[in-house]
């Protein structure tokens, strides 16, 4: 069953538009943070750390994909927001603070919703 799910996910990614891939990245980061919070509360610190690292990797990928030359102020604002989220996740990991995970997940959910609206609009 897991193979089928993996194959389905791979098909989703390979057939998606760049905008839809960004939405999927946000969704994956949010899911990782929700799971990290659960593991933090369960005191499963190793898994919590892995999940936070996954979210950090996704945020780094989103940040690295910004075109600061063409994106102008919007790209710079997103870069600043991604930097803030990164620092909050590092602090959440060190301080064992689930509220910081919730804060970053909320920020990412807002961005996910905005990008989802943009990619669903007909061109």
Protein backbone atom coordinates (compact mmCIF):
# COMPACT_ATOMS: atom_id res chain seq x y z
CA UNK A 1 0.00 0.00 0.00
CA UNK A 2 2.84 2.38 0.83
CA UNK A 3 4.35 1.79 -2.62
CA UNK A 4 1.11 2.81 -4.27
CA UNK A 5 0.95 5.98 -2.19
CA UNK A 6 4.55 6.82 -3.06
CA UNK A 7 3.92 6.22 -6.77
CA UNK A 8 0.83 8.44 -6.62
CA UNK A 9 2.80 11.22 -4.90
CA UNK A 10 5.60 10.98 -7.46
CA UNK A 11 3.06 11.26 -10.26
CA UNK A 12 1.53 14.31 -8.57
CA UNK A 13 4.90 16.04 -8.40
CA UNK A 14 6.03 15.20 -11.92
CA UNK A 15 2.77 16.39 -13.47
CA UNK A 16 2.26 19.50 -11.33
CA UNK A 17 2.86 23.07 -12.35
CA UNK A 18 5.57 25.01 -10.49
CA UNK A 19 2.87 26.86 -8.55
CA UNK A 20 1.26 23.62 -7.45
CA UNK A 21 4.65 22.28 -6.37
CA UNK A 22 5.08 25.33 -4.12
CA UNK A 23 1.68 24.60 -2.56
CA UNK A 24 2.69 20.96 -2.01
CA UNK A 25 5.92 22.09 -0.36
CA UNK A 26 3.99 24.30 2.05
CA UNK A 27 1.63 21.40 2.83
CA UNK A 28 4.56 19.06 3.51
CA UNK A 29 6.23 21.57 5.83
CA UNK A 30 2.98 22.15 7.73
CA UNK A 31 2.43 18.41 8.11
CA UNK A 32 6.00 17.96 9.36
CA UNK A 33 5.48 20.70 11.96
CA UNK A 34 2.20 19.21 13.15
CA UNK A 35 3.87 15.84 13.53
CA UNK A 36 6.90 17.44 15.24
CA UNK A 37 4.59 19.04 17.80
CA UNK A 38 3.01 15.67 18.55
CA UNK A 39 6.44 14.05 18.93
CA UNK A 40 7.61 16.92 21.13
CA UNK A 41 4.66 16.44 23.45
CA UNK A 42 5.27 12.67 23.45
CA UNK A 43 8.92 13.36 24.37
CA UNK A 44 10.11 11.56 21.22
CA UNK A 45 12.89 14.07 20.75
CA UNK A 46 14.78 12.28 17.99
CA UNK A 47 11.77 12.09 15.69
CA UNK A 48 10.81 15.66 16.61
CA UNK A 49 14.23 16.83 15.50
CA UNK A 50 14.00 14.96 12.21
CA UNK A 51 10.59 16.46 11.46
CA UNK A 52 11.71 20.00 12.29
CA UNK A 53 14.74 19.45 10.04
CA UNK A 54 12.40 18.40 7.23
CA UNK A 55 10.41 21.62 7.65
CA UNK A 56 13.65 23.64 7.73
CA UNK A 57 14.82 21.97 4.51
CA UNK A 58 11.54 22.81 2.79
CA UNK A 59 11.69 26.43 3.95
CA UNK A 60 15.29 26.65 2.69
CA UNK A 61 14.15 25.28 -0.68
CA UNK A 62 11.31 27.80 -0.88
CA UNK A 63 13.70 30.61 0.05
CA UNK A 64 16.30 29.44 -2.45
CA UNK A 65 13.75 29.41 -5.24
CA UNK A 66 12.93 33.10 -4.84
CA UNK A 67 13.92 35.25 -7.79
CA UNK A 68 15.01 38.35 -5.93
CA UNK A 69 15.82 40.17 -9.17
CA UNK A 70 12.36 39.78 -10.72
CA UNK A 71 10.44 39.40 -7.47
CA UNK A 72 11.50 42.73 -6.03
CA UNK A 73 9.91 43.72 -2.76
CA UNK A 74 7.67 40.65 -2.62
CA UNK A 75 10.63 38.30 -2.91
CA UNK A 76 12.52 40.26 -0.25
CA UNK A 77 9.52 40.13 2.10
CA UNK A 78 9.16 36.38 1.58
CA UNK A 79 12.89 35.95 2.21
CA UNK A 80 12.55 37.86 5.49
CA UNK A 81 9.55 35.75 6.48
CA UNK A 82 11.37 32.51 5.67
CA UNK A 83 14.35 33.70 7.73
CA UNK A 84 12.03 34.48 10.64
CA UNK A 85 10.39 31.05 10.36
CA UNK A 86 13.80 29.38 10.31
CA UNK A 87 14.88 31.14 13.50
CA UNK A 88 11.59 30.32 15.21
CA UNK A 89 11.98 26.64 14.34
CA UNK A 90 15.54 26.58 15.64
CA UNK A 91 14.31 28.18 18.87
CA UNK A 92 11.36 25.76 19.09
CA UNK A 93 13.75 22.85 18.76
CA UNK A 94 16.16 24.15 21.40
CA UNK A 95 13.54 25.42 23.86
CA UNK A 96 11.12 22.52 23.30
CA UNK A 97 8.41 25.09 22.64
CA UNK A 98 5.38 23.73 20.74
CA UNK A 99 3.84 27.22 20.52
CA UNK A 100 6.65 28.27 18.18
CA UNK A 101 5.89 25.28 15.96
CA UNK A 102 2.25 26.39 15.86
CA UNK A 103 3.29 29.95 15.00
CA UNK A 104 5.40 28.86 12.05
CA UNK A 105 2.76 26.38 10.87
CA UNK A 106 0.24 29.25 10.94
CA UNK A 107 2.50 31.47 8.85
CA UNK A 108 3.09 28.68 6.35
CA UNK A 109 -0.64 27.93 6.20
CA UNK A 110 -1.36 31.57 5.35
CA UNK A 111 1.24 31.48 2.59
CA UNK A 112 -0.06 28.11 1.35
CA UNK A 113 -3.58 29.50 1.11
CA UNK A 114 -2.38 32.55 -0.80
CA UNK A 115 -0.36 30.48 -3.27
CA UNK A 116 -3.26 28.03 -3.69
CA UNK A 117 -5.52 30.93 -4.64
CA UNK A 118 -2.98 32.23 -7.13
CA UNK A 119 -2.44 28.89 -8.89
CA UNK A 120 -6.12 28.10 -9.18
CA UNK A 121 -6.95 31.34 -10.96
CA UNK A 122 -7.34 30.89 -14.72
CA UNK A 123 -4.68 32.64 -16.75
